Amino acid sequence: MNDENKLTLPYLLKLLEIDSLPGGKLLETFVLRSATGLISEHGEDWIREQRSRLVEELEFITKEIEKENTHPEQ
């Protein structure tokens, strides 16, 4: 991570090799907290190795949230 040991969105996007976060601002805080925990537990190399799976999971979560917001169960 950076010198202050705080994960930033630009740095995470660089690790994941993506231009923007699936879910945008909606998931930003969740993703940064989750990624910080994963980096603490597994290290940055693990994030790089797992980036495809992690991005797929973020895309899935985003689609589920969008689906729920479009068609909420009553």
N, C-alpha and C. Protein backbone atom coordinates (compact mmCIF):
# COMPACT_ATOMS: atom_id res chain seq x y z
N MET A 1 0.84 -1.18 0.00
CA MET A 1 0.00 0.00 0.00
C MET A 1 0.88 1.24 0.00
N ASN A 2 0.26 2.40 0.10
CA ASN A 2 1.05 3.62 0.04
C ASN A 2 1.76 3.89 1.35
N ASP A 3 2.48 5.00 1.41
CA ASP A 3 3.30 5.33 2.58
C ASP A 3 2.51 5.45 3.86
N GLU A 4 1.29 5.92 3.78
CA GLU A 4 0.48 6.09 4.98
C GLU A 4 -0.22 4.79 5.38
N ASN A 5 -0.01 3.73 4.60
CA ASN A 5 -0.60 2.43 4.87
C ASN A 5 -2.13 2.48 4.80
N LYS A 6 -2.65 3.40 3.99
CA LYS A 6 -4.08 3.50 3.77
C LYS A 6 -4.36 3.26 2.30
N LEU A 7 -5.23 2.35 2.02
CA LEU A 7 -5.57 2.02 0.65
C LEU A 7 -6.42 3.12 0.04
N THR A 8 -6.03 3.54 -1.15
CA THR A 8 -6.80 4.54 -1.88
C THR A 8 -7.46 3.88 -3.08
N LEU A 9 -8.52 4.50 -3.57
CA LEU A 9 -9.21 3.96 -4.73
C LEU A 9 -8.29 3.90 -5.96
N PRO A 10 -7.53 4.95 -6.27
CA PRO A 10 -6.64 4.85 -7.43
C PRO A 10 -5.62 3.70 -7.31
N TYR A 11 -5.10 3.50 -6.12
CA TYR A 11 -4.13 2.42 -5.93
C TYR A 11 -4.79 1.06 -6.09
N LEU A 12 -6.01 0.90 -5.56
CA LEU A 12 -6.73 -0.37 -5.71
C LEU A 12 -7.05 -0.63 -7.18
N LEU A 13 -7.48 0.40 -7.90
CA LEU A 13 -7.76 0.23 -9.32
C LEU A 13 -6.50 -0.21 -10.07
N LYS A 14 -5.36 0.32 -9.67
CA LYS A 14 -4.09 -0.09 -10.27
C LYS A 14 -3.80 -1.56 -9.97
N LEU A 15 -4.01 -1.97 -8.72
CA LEU A 15 -3.78 -3.37 -8.35
C LEU A 15 -4.68 -4.32 -9.14
N LEU A 16 -5.93 -3.91 -9.32
CA LEU A 16 -6.90 -4.74 -10.03
C LEU A 16 -6.80 -4.59 -11.55
N GLU A 17 -6.00 -3.63 -12.00
CA GLU A 17 -5.82 -3.34 -13.42
C GLU A 17 -7.15 -3.04 -14.10
N ILE A 18 -7.93 -2.16 -13.47
CA ILE A 18 -9.19 -1.69 -14.04
C ILE A 18 -9.22 -0.17 -13.99
N ASP A 19 -10.07 0.43 -14.83
CA ASP A 19 -10.15 1.89 -14.90
C ASP A 19 -11.16 2.47 -13.93
N SER A 20 -12.19 1.70 -13.62
CA SER A 20 -13.21 2.19 -12.71
C SER A 20 -13.77 1.03 -11.90
N LEU A 21 -14.38 1.36 -10.82
CA LEU A 21 -14.91 0.37 -9.90
C LEU A 21 -16.32 -0.03 -10.30
N PRO A 22 -16.57 -1.34 -10.49
CA PRO A 22 -17.95 -1.75 -10.73
C PRO A 22 -18.81 -1.30 -9.54
N GLY A 23 -19.91 -0.68 -9.84
CA GLY A 23 -20.77 -0.18 -8.78
C GLY A 23 -20.47 1.26 -8.40
N GLY A 24 -19.37 1.80 -8.93
CA GLY A 24 -19.03 3.20 -8.68
C GLY A 24 -19.01 3.57 -7.21
N LYS A 25 -19.49 4.76 -6.92
CA LYS A 25 -19.49 5.29 -5.56
C LYS A 25 -20.31 4.43 -4.60
N LEU A 26 -21.31 3.74 -5.15
CA LEU A 26 -22.19 2.92 -4.33
C LEU A 26 -21.40 1.90 -3.50
N LEU A 27 -20.41 1.28 -4.11
CA LEU A 27 -19.65 0.23 -3.44
C LEU A 27 -18.25 0.66 -3.00
N GLU A 28 -17.88 1.90 -3.24
CA GLU A 28 -16.50 2.33 -2.99
C GLU A 28 -16.04 2.07 -1.56
N THR A 29 -16.79 2.49 -0.58
CA THR A 29 -16.38 2.31 0.82
C THR A 29 -16.29 0.83 1.17
N PHE A 30 -17.28 0.06 0.76
CA PHE A 30 -17.29 -1.38 1.01
C PHE A 30 -16.07 -2.05 0.40
N VAL A 31 -15.79 -1.72 -0.85
CA VAL A 31 -14.67 -2.35 -1.56
C VAL A 31 -13.34 -1.96 -0.94
N LEU A 32 -13.17 -0.70 -0.59
CA LEU A 32 -11.91 -0.28 0.02
C LEU A 32 -11.69 -0.96 1.37
N ARG A 33 -12.73 -1.07 2.18
CA ARG A 33 -12.59 -1.75 3.47
C ARG A 33 -12.29 -3.24 3.27
N SER A 34 -13.01 -3.87 2.35
CA SER A 34 -12.80 -5.29 2.08
C SER A 34 -11.40 -5.54 1.54
N ALA A 35 -10.97 -4.70 0.60
CA ALA A 35 -9.65 -4.87 0.01
C ALA A 35 -8.55 -4.65 1.04
N THR A 36 -8.75 -3.70 1.93
CA THR A 36 -7.76 -3.46 2.99
C THR A 36 -7.62 -4.71 3.85
N GLY A 37 -8.73 -5.33 4.19
CA GLY A 37 -8.69 -6.56 4.97
C GLY A 37 -8.01 -7.69 4.22
N LEU A 38 -8.32 -7.82 2.93
CA LEU A 38 -7.70 -8.88 2.13
C LEU A 38 -6.20 -8.66 1.98
N ILE A 39 -5.78 -7.42 1.81
CA ILE A 39 -4.35 -7.13 1.71
C ILE A 39 -3.66 -7.43 3.03
N SER A 40 -4.29 -7.08 4.14
CA SER A 40 -3.70 -7.37 5.45
C SER A 40 -3.55 -8.87 5.67
N GLU A 41 -4.55 -9.61 5.23
CA GLU A 41 -4.55 -11.06 5.44
C GLU A 41 -3.68 -11.81 4.45
N HIS A 42 -3.74 -11.41 3.17
CA HIS A 42 -3.09 -12.20 2.12
C HIS A 42 -1.94 -11.49 1.40
N GLY A 43 -1.90 -10.16 1.44
CA GLY A 43 -0.86 -9.41 0.75
C GLY A 43 -1.30 -8.91 -0.62
N GLU A 44 -0.58 -7.92 -1.12
CA GLU A 44 -0.90 -7.31 -2.41
C GLU A 44 -0.73 -8.27 -3.57
N ASP A 45 0.26 -9.15 -3.49
CA ASP A 45 0.47 -10.11 -4.58
C ASP A 45 -0.76 -11.00 -4.76
N TRP A 46 -1.39 -11.37 -3.66
CA TRP A 46 -2.60 -12.20 -3.72
C TRP A 46 -3.71 -11.44 -4.45
N ILE A 47 -3.85 -10.13 -4.16
CA ILE A 47 -4.84 -9.31 -4.84
C ILE A 47 -4.57 -9.31 -6.34
N ARG A 48 -3.32 -9.14 -6.71
CA ARG A 48 -2.97 -9.15 -8.14
C ARG A 48 -3.29 -10.50 -8.77
N GLU A 49 -2.97 -11.58 -8.07
CA GLU A 49 -3.22 -12.92 -8.60
C GLU A 49 -4.72 -13.22 -8.71
N GLN A 50 -5.50 -12.67 -7.82
CA GLN A 50 -6.93 -12.95 -7.77
C GLN A 50 -7.79 -11.86 -8.43
N ARG A 51 -7.15 -10.90 -9.08
CA ARG A 51 -7.89 -9.73 -9.56
C ARG A 51 -9.05 -10.07 -10.48
N SER A 52 -8.89 -11.04 -11.36
CA SER A 52 -9.99 -11.40 -12.26
C SER A 52 -11.20 -11.87 -11.48
N ARG A 53 -10.97 -12.75 -10.52
CA ARG A 53 -12.07 -13.26 -9.69
C ARG A 53 -12.69 -12.15 -8.85
N LEU A 54 -11.86 -11.30 -8.29
CA LEU A 54 -12.36 -10.21 -7.45
C LEU A 54 -13.22 -9.24 -8.26
N VAL A 55 -12.78 -8.90 -9.47
CA VAL A 55 -13.56 -8.00 -10.31
C VAL A 55 -14.87 -8.66 -10.73
N GLU A 56 -14.83 -9.95 -11.06
CA GLU A 56 -16.06 -10.68 -11.39
C GLU A 56 -17.04 -10.65 -10.23
N GLU A 57 -16.55 -10.82 -9.02
CA GLU A 57 -17.42 -10.79 -7.85
C GLU A 57 -18.02 -9.40 -7.64
N LEU A 58 -17.23 -8.37 -7.85
CA LEU A 58 -17.75 -7.00 -7.74
C LEU A 58 -18.83 -6.73 -8.79
N GLU A 59 -18.60 -7.21 -10.00
CA GLU A 59 -19.60 -7.05 -11.06
C GLU A 59 -20.89 -7.79 -10.70
N PHE A 60 -20.77 -8.99 -10.14
CA PHE A 60 -21.94 -9.75 -9.73
C PHE A 60 -22.71 -9.01 -8.64
N ILE A 61 -22.00 -8.52 -7.63
CA ILE A 61 -22.64 -7.79 -6.54
C ILE A 61 -23.37 -6.56 -7.09
N THR A 62 -22.71 -5.84 -8.00
CA THR A 62 -23.32 -4.65 -8.60
C THR A 62 -24.60 -5.00 -9.33
N LYS A 63 -24.57 -6.08 -10.12
CA LYS A 63 -25.77 -6.50 -10.86
C LYS A 63 -26.90 -6.88 -9.92
N GLU A 64 -26.56 -7.56 -8.82
CA GLU A 64 -27.59 -7.95 -7.86
C GLU A 64 -28.22 -6.72 -7.19
N ILE A 65 -27.39 -5.75 -6.87
CA ILE A 65 -27.91 -4.52 -6.26
C ILE A 65 -28.80 -3.79 -7.25
N GLU A 66 -28.36 -3.69 -8.49
CA GLU A 66 -29.16 -3.03 -9.52
C GLU A 66 -30.48 -3.76 -9.73
N LYS A 67 -30.43 -5.10 -9.74
CA LYS A 67 -31.64 -5.89 -9.92
C LYS A 67 -32.60 -5.65 -8.76
N GLU A 68 -32.08 -5.62 -7.55
CA GLU A 68 -32.90 -5.38 -6.36
C GLU A 68 -33.52 -3.99 -6.39
N ASN A 69 -32.77 -3.03 -6.82
CA ASN A 69 -33.29 -1.66 -6.89
C ASN A 69 -34.30 -1.47 -8.03
N THR A 70 -34.18 -2.28 -9.08
CA THR A 70 -35.09 -2.20 -10.19
C THR A 70 -36.39 -2.95 -9.93
N HIS A 71 -36.25 -4.12 -9.30
CA HIS A 71 -37.40 -4.99 -9.03
C HIS A 71 -37.42 -5.41 -7.56
N PRO A 72 -37.66 -4.48 -6.67
CA PRO A 72 -37.68 -4.87 -5.24
C PRO A 72 -38.83 -5.84 -4.95
N GLU A 73 -38.51 -6.82 -4.12
CA GLU A 73 -39.55 -7.78 -3.70
C GLU A 73 -40.51 -7.08 -2.77
N GLN A 74 -41.77 -7.43 -2.89
CA GLN A 74 -42.76 -6.78 -2.04
C GLN A 74 -43.40 -7.77 -1.13
